[in-house]
Amino acid sequence: MPKVVVQKELCKGCGLCVDACPTKNLAMGQRVNAQGYAYVVWDKKAKCTGCAICGRLCPDIALRIYKEERK
């Protein structure tokens, strides 16, 4: 099962990944990081396909996409 890890301190909350996600797994969160930006959160319950479009569009390289669960 794919997994997206948001590096919250790198995220500036631009929302490009949220708009691009075909399965709507990403959303803008309510909390802010140390720089004061609301960062993206990943919905573990939604059906992520691991397409990595979100990671390719992120200008801050704040997303890590794993195709298999790391042990």
PDB file of N, CA and C in Angstrom:
ATOM      1  N   MET A   1       0.838  -1.180   0.000  1.00  0.00           N
ATOM      2  CA  MET A   1       0.000   0.000   0.000  1.00  0.00           C
ATOM      3  C   MET A   1       0.887   1.249   0.000  1.00  0.00           C
ATOM      4  N   PRO A   2       0.640   2.177  -0.886  1.00  0.00           N
ATOM      5  CA  PRO A   2       1.432   3.410  -0.950  1.00  0.00           C
ATOM      6  C   PRO A   2       1.252   4.268   0.300  1.00  0.00           C
ATOM      7  N   LYS A   3       2.261   5.104   0.536  1.00  0.00           N
ATOM      8  CA  LYS A   3       2.226   5.989   1.690  1.00  0.00           C
ATOM      9  C   LYS A   3       2.873   7.317   1.311  1.00  0.00           C
ATOM     10  N   VAL A   4       2.264   8.411   1.726  1.00  0.00           N
ATOM     11  CA  VAL A   4       2.819   9.742   1.506  1.00  0.00           C
ATOM     12  C   VAL A   4       3.200  10.321   2.863  1.00  0.00           C
ATOM     13  N   VAL A   5       4.441  10.755   2.977  1.00  0.00           N
ATOM     14  CA  VAL A   5       4.932  11.373   4.200  1.00  0.00           C
ATOM     15  C   VAL A   5       5.135  12.854   3.914  1.00  0.00           C
ATOM     16  N   VAL A   6       4.459  13.694   4.682  1.00  0.00           N
ATOM     17  CA  VAL A   6       4.586  15.143   4.539  1.00  0.00           C
ATOM     18  C   VAL A   6       5.636  15.629   5.526  1.00  0.00           C
ATOM     19  N   GLN A   7       6.660  16.271   5.012  1.00  0.00           N
ATOM     20  CA  GLN A   7       7.671  16.875   5.865  1.00  0.00           C
ATOM     21  C   GLN A   7       7.174  18.277   6.196  1.00  0.00           C
ATOM     22  N   LYS A   8       6.464  18.364   7.306  1.00  0.00           N
ATOM     23  CA  LYS A   8       5.705  19.574   7.627  1.00  0.00           C
ATOM     24  C   LYS A   8       6.560  20.832   7.729  1.00  0.00           C
ATOM     25  N   GLU A   9       7.804  20.717   8.130  1.00  0.00           N
ATOM     26  CA  GLU A   9       8.643  21.912   8.251  1.00  0.00           C
ATOM     27  C   GLU A   9       9.093  22.451   6.893  1.00  0.00           C
ATOM     28  N   LEU A  10       9.001  21.646   5.848  1.00  0.00           N
ATOM     29  CA  LEU A  10       9.348  22.109   4.500  1.00  0.00           C
ATOM     30  C   LEU A  10       8.133  22.647   3.742  1.00  0.00           C
ATOM     31  N   CYS A  11       6.947  22.234   4.151  1.00  0.00           N
ATOM     32  CA  CYS A  11       5.715  22.605   3.441  1.00  0.00           C
ATOM     33  C   CYS A  11       5.356  24.069   3.689  1.00  0.00           C
ATOM     34  N   LYS A  12       5.048  24.774   2.595  1.00  0.00           N
ATOM     35  CA  LYS A  12       4.623  26.169   2.707  1.00  0.00           C
ATOM     36  C   LYS A  12       3.134  26.338   2.437  1.00  0.00           C
ATOM     37  N   GLY A  13       2.424  25.222   2.315  1.00  0.00           N
ATOM     38  CA  GLY A  13       0.974  25.271   2.180  1.00  0.00           C
ATOM     39  C   GLY A  13       0.458  25.840   0.870  1.00  0.00           C
ATOM     40  N   CYS A  14       1.191  25.662  -0.215  1.00  0.00           N
ATOM     41  CA  CYS A  14       0.754  26.222  -1.499  1.00  0.00           C
ATOM     42  C   CYS A  14      -0.488  25.517  -2.048  1.00  0.00           C
ATOM     43  N   GLY A  15      -0.675  24.240  -1.688  1.00  0.00           N
ATOM     44  CA  GLY A  15      -1.857  23.502  -2.110  1.00  0.00           C
ATOM     45  C   GLY A  15      -1.784  22.879  -3.495  1.00  0.00           C
ATOM     46  N   LEU A  16      -0.651  22.987  -4.182  1.00  0.00           N
ATOM     47  CA  LEU A  16      -0.535  22.382  -5.512  1.00  0.00           C
ATOM     48  C   LEU A  16      -0.772  20.874  -5.465  1.00  0.00           C
ATOM     49  N   CYS A  17      -0.232  20.226  -4.454  1.00  0.00           N
ATOM     50  CA  CYS A  17      -0.395  18.774  -4.325  1.00  0.00           C
ATOM     51  C   CYS A  17      -1.848  18.403  -4.031  1.00  0.00           C
ATOM     52  N   VAL A  18      -2.509  19.215  -3.232  1.00  0.00           N
ATOM     53  CA  VAL A  18      -3.916  18.962  -2.877  1.00  0.00           C
ATOM     54  C   VAL A  18      -4.776  19.005  -4.139  1.00  0.00           C
ATOM     55  N   ASP A  19      -4.581  20.012  -4.961  1.00  0.00           N
ATOM     56  CA  ASP A  19      -5.352  20.156  -6.198  1.00  0.00           C
ATOM     57  C   ASP A  19      -5.044  19.059  -7.205  1.00  0.00           C
ATOM     58  N   ALA A  20      -3.802  18.576  -7.225  1.00  0.00           N
ATOM     59  CA  ALA A  20      -3.381  17.606  -8.226  1.00  0.00           C
ATOM     60  C   ALA A  20      -3.713  16.157  -7.887  1.00  0.00           C
ATOM     61  N   CYS A  21      -3.941  15.855  -6.633  1.00  0.00           N
ATOM     62  CA  CYS A  21      -4.158  14.458  -6.225  1.00  0.00           C
ATOM     63  C   CYS A  21      -5.438  13.896  -6.847  1.00  0.00           C
ATOM     64  N   PRO A  22      -5.308  12.876  -7.699  1.00  0.00           N
ATOM     65  CA  PRO A  22      -6.490  12.325  -8.356  1.00  0.00           C
ATOM     66  C   PRO A  22      -7.441  11.586  -7.410  1.00  0.00           C
ATOM     67  N   THR A  23      -6.933  11.108  -6.284  1.00  0.00           N
ATOM     68  CA  THR A  23      -7.785  10.376  -5.340  1.00  0.00           C
ATOM     69  C   THR A  23      -8.150  11.204  -4.118  1.00  0.00           C
ATOM     70  N   LYS A  24      -7.740  12.464  -4.101  1.00  0.00           N
ATOM     71  CA  LYS A  24      -8.070  13.410  -3.017  1.00  0.00           C
ATOM     72  C   LYS A  24      -7.610  12.916  -1.646  1.00  0.00           C
ATOM     73  N   ASN A  25      -6.383  12.375  -1.603  1.00  0.00           N
ATOM     74  CA  ASN A  25      -5.798  11.906  -0.347  1.00  0.00           C
ATOM     75  C   ASN A  25      -5.185  13.022   0.474  1.00  0.00           C
ATOM     76  N   LEU A  26      -4.913  14.155  -0.140  1.00  0.00           N
ATOM     77  CA  LEU A  26      -4.247  15.254   0.553  1.00  0.00           C
ATOM     78  C   LEU A  26      -5.220  16.392   0.818  1.00  0.00           C
ATOM     79  N   ALA A  27      -5.009  17.075   1.939  1.00  0.00           N
ATOM     80  CA  ALA A  27      -5.852  18.219   2.299  1.00  0.00           C
ATOM     81  C   ALA A  27      -5.005  19.212   3.085  1.00  0.00           C
ATOM     82  N   MET A  28      -5.445  20.446   3.115  1.00  0.00           N
ATOM     83  CA  MET A  28      -4.758  21.448   3.932  1.00  0.00           C
ATOM     84  C   MET A  28      -5.106  21.193   5.395  1.00  0.00           C
ATOM     85  N   GLY A  29      -4.087  21.149   6.219  1.00  0.00           N
ATOM     86  CA  GLY A  29      -4.289  20.893   7.635  1.00  0.00           C
ATOM     87  C   GLY A  29      -4.659  22.149   8.399  1.00  0.00           C
ATOM     88  N   GLN A  30      -5.002  21.980   9.653  1.00  0.00           N
ATOM     89  CA  GLN A  30      -5.391  23.086  10.523  1.00  0.00           C
ATOM     90  C   GLN A  30      -4.215  23.616  11.337  1.00  0.00           C
ATOM     91  N   ARG A  31      -3.187  22.825  11.498  1.00  0.00           N
ATOM     92  CA  ARG A  31      -2.024  23.228  12.291  1.00  0.00           C
ATOM     93  C   ARG A  31      -1.003  23.945  11.418  1.00  0.00           C
ATOM     94  N   VAL A  32      -0.096  24.670  12.061  1.00  0.00           N
ATOM     95  CA  VAL A  32       0.952  25.377  11.331  1.00  0.00           C
ATOM     96  C   VAL A  32       2.326  24.874  11.767  1.00  0.00           C
ATOM     97  N   ASN A  33       3.311  25.016  10.874  1.00  0.00           N
ATOM     98  CA  ASN A  33       4.673  24.611  11.192  1.00  0.00           C
ATOM     99  C   ASN A  33       5.421  25.762  11.859  1.00  0.00           C
ATOM    100  N   ALA A  34       6.700  25.602  12.098  1.00  0.00           N
ATOM    101  CA  ALA A  34       7.500  26.613  12.801  1.00  0.00           C
ATOM    102  C   ALA A  34       7.574  27.939  12.038  1.00  0.00           C
ATOM    103  N   GLN A  35       7.399  27.893  10.711  1.00  0.00           N
ATOM    104  CA  GLN A  35       7.427  29.110   9.902  1.00  0.00           C
ATOM    105  C   GLN A  35       6.067  29.794   9.828  1.00  0.00           C
ATOM    106  N   GLY A  36       5.053  29.176  10.398  1.00  0.00           N
ATOM    107  CA  GLY A  36       3.717  29.757  10.418  1.00  0.00           C
ATOM    108  C   GLY A  36       2.831  29.365   9.253  1.00  0.00           C
ATOM    109  N   TYR A  37       3.258  28.387   8.464  1.00  0.00           N
ATOM    110  CA  TYR A  37       2.468  27.924   7.321  1.00  0.00           C
ATOM    111  C   TYR A  37       1.576  26.743   7.720  1.00  0.00           C
ATOM    112  N   ALA A  38       0.337  26.768   7.285  1.00  0.00           N
ATOM    113  CA  ALA A  38      -0.518  25.583   7.428  1.00  0.00           C
ATOM    114  C   ALA A  38       0.014  24.553   6.439  1.00  0.00           C
ATOM    115  N   TYR A  39       0.243  23.352   6.910  1.00  0.00           N
ATOM    116  CA  TYR A  39       0.838  22.337   6.049  1.00  0.00           C
ATOM    117  C   TYR A  39      -0.180  21.277   5.643  1.00  0.00           C
ATOM    118  N   VAL A  40       0.168  20.552   4.604  1.00  0.00           N
ATOM    119  CA  VAL A  40      -0.693  19.521   4.019  1.00  0.00           C
ATOM    120  C   VAL A  40      -0.697  18.284   4.914  1.00  0.00           C
ATOM    121  N   VAL A  41      -1.834  17.606   4.965  1.00  0.00           N
ATOM    122  CA  VAL A  41      -1.945  16.331   5.676  1.00  0.00           C
ATOM    123  C   VAL A  41      -2.415  15.263   4.711  1.00  0.00           C
ATOM    124  N   TRP A  42      -2.022  14.044   4.988  1.00  0.00           N
ATOM    125  CA  TRP A  42      -2.368  12.902   4.146  1.00  0.00           C
ATOM    126  C   TRP A  42      -3.416  12.059   4.844  1.00  0.00           C
ATOM    127  N   ASP A  43      -4.470  11.681   4.112  1.00  0.00           N
ATOM    128  CA  ASP A  43      -5.546  10.843   4.644  1.00  0.00           C
ATOM    129  C   ASP A  43      -5.177   9.376   4.441  1.00  0.00           C
ATOM    130  N   LYS A  44      -4.834   8.702   5.516  1.00  0.00           N
ATOM    131  CA  LYS A  44      -4.407   7.306   5.436  1.00  0.00           C
ATOM    132  C   LYS A  44      -5.532   6.367   5.009  1.00  0.00           C
ATOM    133  N   LYS A  45      -6.774   6.797   5.182  1.00  0.00           N
ATOM    134  CA  LYS A  45      -7.911   5.924   4.887  1.00  0.00           C
ATOM    135  C   LYS A  45      -8.332   5.956   3.421  1.00  0.00           C
ATOM    136  N   ALA A  46      -7.938   7.000   2.717  1.00  0.00           N
ATOM    137  CA  ALA A  46      -8.313   7.115   1.305  1.00  0.00           C
ATOM    138  C   ALA A  46      -7.464   6.155   0.468  1.00  0.00           C
ATOM    139  N   LYS A  47      -7.840   5.989  -0.776  1.00  0.00           N
ATOM    140  CA  LYS A  47      -7.183   5.002  -1.632  1.00  0.00           C
ATOM    141  C   LYS A  47      -6.086   5.621  -2.486  1.00  0.00           C
ATOM    142  N   CYS A  48      -4.924   5.800  -1.889  1.00  0.00           N
ATOM    143  CA  CYS A  48      -3.767   6.329  -2.609  1.00  0.00           C
ATOM    144  C   CYS A  48      -3.279   5.279  -3.607  1.00  0.00           C
ATOM    145  N   THR A  49      -2.962   5.730  -4.816  1.00  0.00           N
ATOM    146  CA  THR A  49      -2.466   4.824  -5.848  1.00  0.00           C
ATOM    147  C   THR A  49      -0.946   4.838  -5.944  1.00  0.00           C
ATOM    148  N   GLY A  50      -0.309   5.778  -5.263  1.00  0.00           N
ATOM    149  CA  GLY A  50       1.141   5.889  -5.337  1.00  0.00           C
ATOM    150  C   GLY A  50       1.631   6.516  -6.631  1.00  0.00           C
ATOM    151  N   CYS A  51       0.792   7.298  -7.269  1.00  0.00           N
ATOM    152  CA  CYS A  51       1.142   7.893  -8.570  1.00  0.00           C
ATOM    153  C   CYS A  51       2.263   8.916  -8.467  1.00  0.00           C
ATOM    154  N   ALA A  52       2.462   9.521  -7.298  1.00  0.00           N
ATOM    155  CA  ALA A  52       3.522  10.489  -7.006  1.00  0.00           C
ATOM    156  C   ALA A  52       3.382  11.819  -7.737  1.00  0.00           C
ATOM    157  N   ILE A  53       2.217  12.116  -8.253  1.00  0.00           N
ATOM    158  CA  ILE A  53       1.989  13.417  -8.889  1.00  0.00           C
ATOM    159  C   ILE A  53       2.204  14.521  -7.861  1.00  0.00           C
ATOM    160  N   CYS A  54       1.746  14.311  -6.659  1.00  0.00           N
ATOM    161  CA  CYS A  54       1.894  15.309  -5.598  1.00  0.00           C
ATOM    162  C   CYS A  54       3.360  15.650  -5.358  1.00  0.00           C
ATOM    163  N   GLY A  55       4.192  14.649  -5.291  1.00  0.00           N
ATOM    164  CA  GLY A  55       5.605  14.858  -5.045  1.00  0.00           C
ATOM    165  C   GLY A  55       6.311  15.563  -6.184  1.00  0.00           C
ATOM    166  N   ARG A  56       5.885  15.278  -7.403  1.00  0.00           N
ATOM    167  CA  ARG A  56       6.495  15.921  -8.568  1.00  0.00           C
ATOM    168  C   ARG A  56       6.135  17.401  -8.656  1.00  0.00           C
ATOM    169  N   LEU A  57       4.943  17.746  -8.186  1.00  0.00           N
ATOM    170  CA  LEU A  57       4.494  19.140  -8.262  1.00  0.00           C
ATOM    171  C   LEU A  57       4.953  20.001  -7.098  1.00  0.00           C
ATOM    172  N   CYS A  58       5.362  19.398  -6.016  1.00  0.00           N
ATOM    173  CA  CYS A  58       5.725  20.160  -4.812  1.00  0.00           C
ATOM    174  C   CYS A  58       6.989  20.986  -5.048  1.00  0.00           C
ATOM    175  N   PRO A  59       6.872  22.313  -5.017  1.00  0.00           N
ATOM    176  CA  PRO A  59       8.054  23.154  -5.246  1.00  0.00           C
ATOM    177  C   PRO A  59       9.048  23.135  -4.084  1.00  0.00           C
ATOM    178  N   ASP A  60       8.626  22.660  -2.935  1.00  0.00           N
ATOM    179  CA  ASP A  60       9.484  22.645  -1.748  1.00  0.00           C
ATOM    180  C   ASP A  60      10.026  21.259  -1.415  1.00  0.00           C
ATOM    181  N   ILE A  61       9.719  20.284  -2.246  1.00  0.00           N
ATOM    182  CA  ILE A  61      10.151  18.897  -2.054  1.00  0.00           C
ATOM    183  C   ILE A  61       9.797  18.425  -0.636  1.00  0.00           C
ATOM    184  N   ALA A  62       8.563  18.701  -0.235  1.00  0.00           N
ATOM    185  CA  ALA A  62       8.108  18.400   1.123  1.00  0.00           C
ATOM    186  C   ALA A  62       7.388  17.061   1.238  1.00  0.00           C
ATOM    187  N   LEU A  63       7.230  16.349   0.127  1.00  0.00           N
ATOM    188  CA  LEU A  63       6.503  15.083   0.159  1.00  0.00           C
ATOM    189  C   LEU A  63       7.418  13.921  -0.211  1.00  0.00           C
ATOM    190  N   ARG A  64       7.283  12.846   0.519  1.00  0.00           N
ATOM    191  CA  ARG A  64       7.991  11.602   0.208  1.00  0.00           C
ATOM    192  C   ARG A  64       6.923  10.552  -0.063  1.00  0.00           C
ATOM    193  N   ILE A  65       7.034   9.871  -1.198  1.00  0.00           N
ATOM    194  CA  ILE A  65       6.049   8.868  -1.579  1.00  0.00           C
ATOM    195  C   ILE A  65       6.720   7.501  -1.558  1.00  0.00           C
ATOM    196  N   TYR A  66       6.129   6.589  -0.814  1.00  0.00           N
ATOM    197  CA  TYR A  66       6.621   5.232  -0.726  1.00  0.00           C
ATOM    198  C   TYR A  66       5.594   4.299  -1.351  1.00  0.00           C
ATOM    199  N   LYS A  67       6.033   3.449  -2.250  1.00  0.00           N
ATOM    200  CA  LYS A  67       5.124   2.526  -2.931  1.00  0.00           C
ATOM    201  C   LYS A  67       4.771   1.330  -2.047  1.00  0.00           C
ATOM    202  N   GLU A  68       5.679   0.958  -1.153  1.00  0.00           N
ATOM    203  CA  GLU A  68       5.427  -0.139  -0.239  1.00  0.00           C
ATOM    204  C   GLU A  68       5.671   0.360   1.176  1.00  0.00           C
ATOM    205  N   GLU A  69       4.986  -0.221   2.118  1.00  0.00           N
ATOM    206  CA  GLU A  69       5.170   0.163   3.504  1.00  0.00           C
ATOM    207  C   GLU A  69       6.572  -0.217   3.960  1.00  0.00           C
ATOM    208  N   ARG A  70       7.259   0.757   4.563  1.00  0.00           N
ATOM    209  CA  ARG A  70       8.620   0.515   5.033  1.00  0.00           C
ATOM    210  C   ARG A  70       8.590  -0.216   6.354  1.00  0.00           C
ATOM    211  N   LYS A  71       9.528  -1.133   6.511  1.00  0.00           N
ATOM    212  CA  LYS A  71       9.589  -1.924   7.746  1.00  0.00           C
ATOM    213  C   LYS A  71      10.723  -1.475   8.616  1.00  0.00           C
TER     214      LYS A  71
END
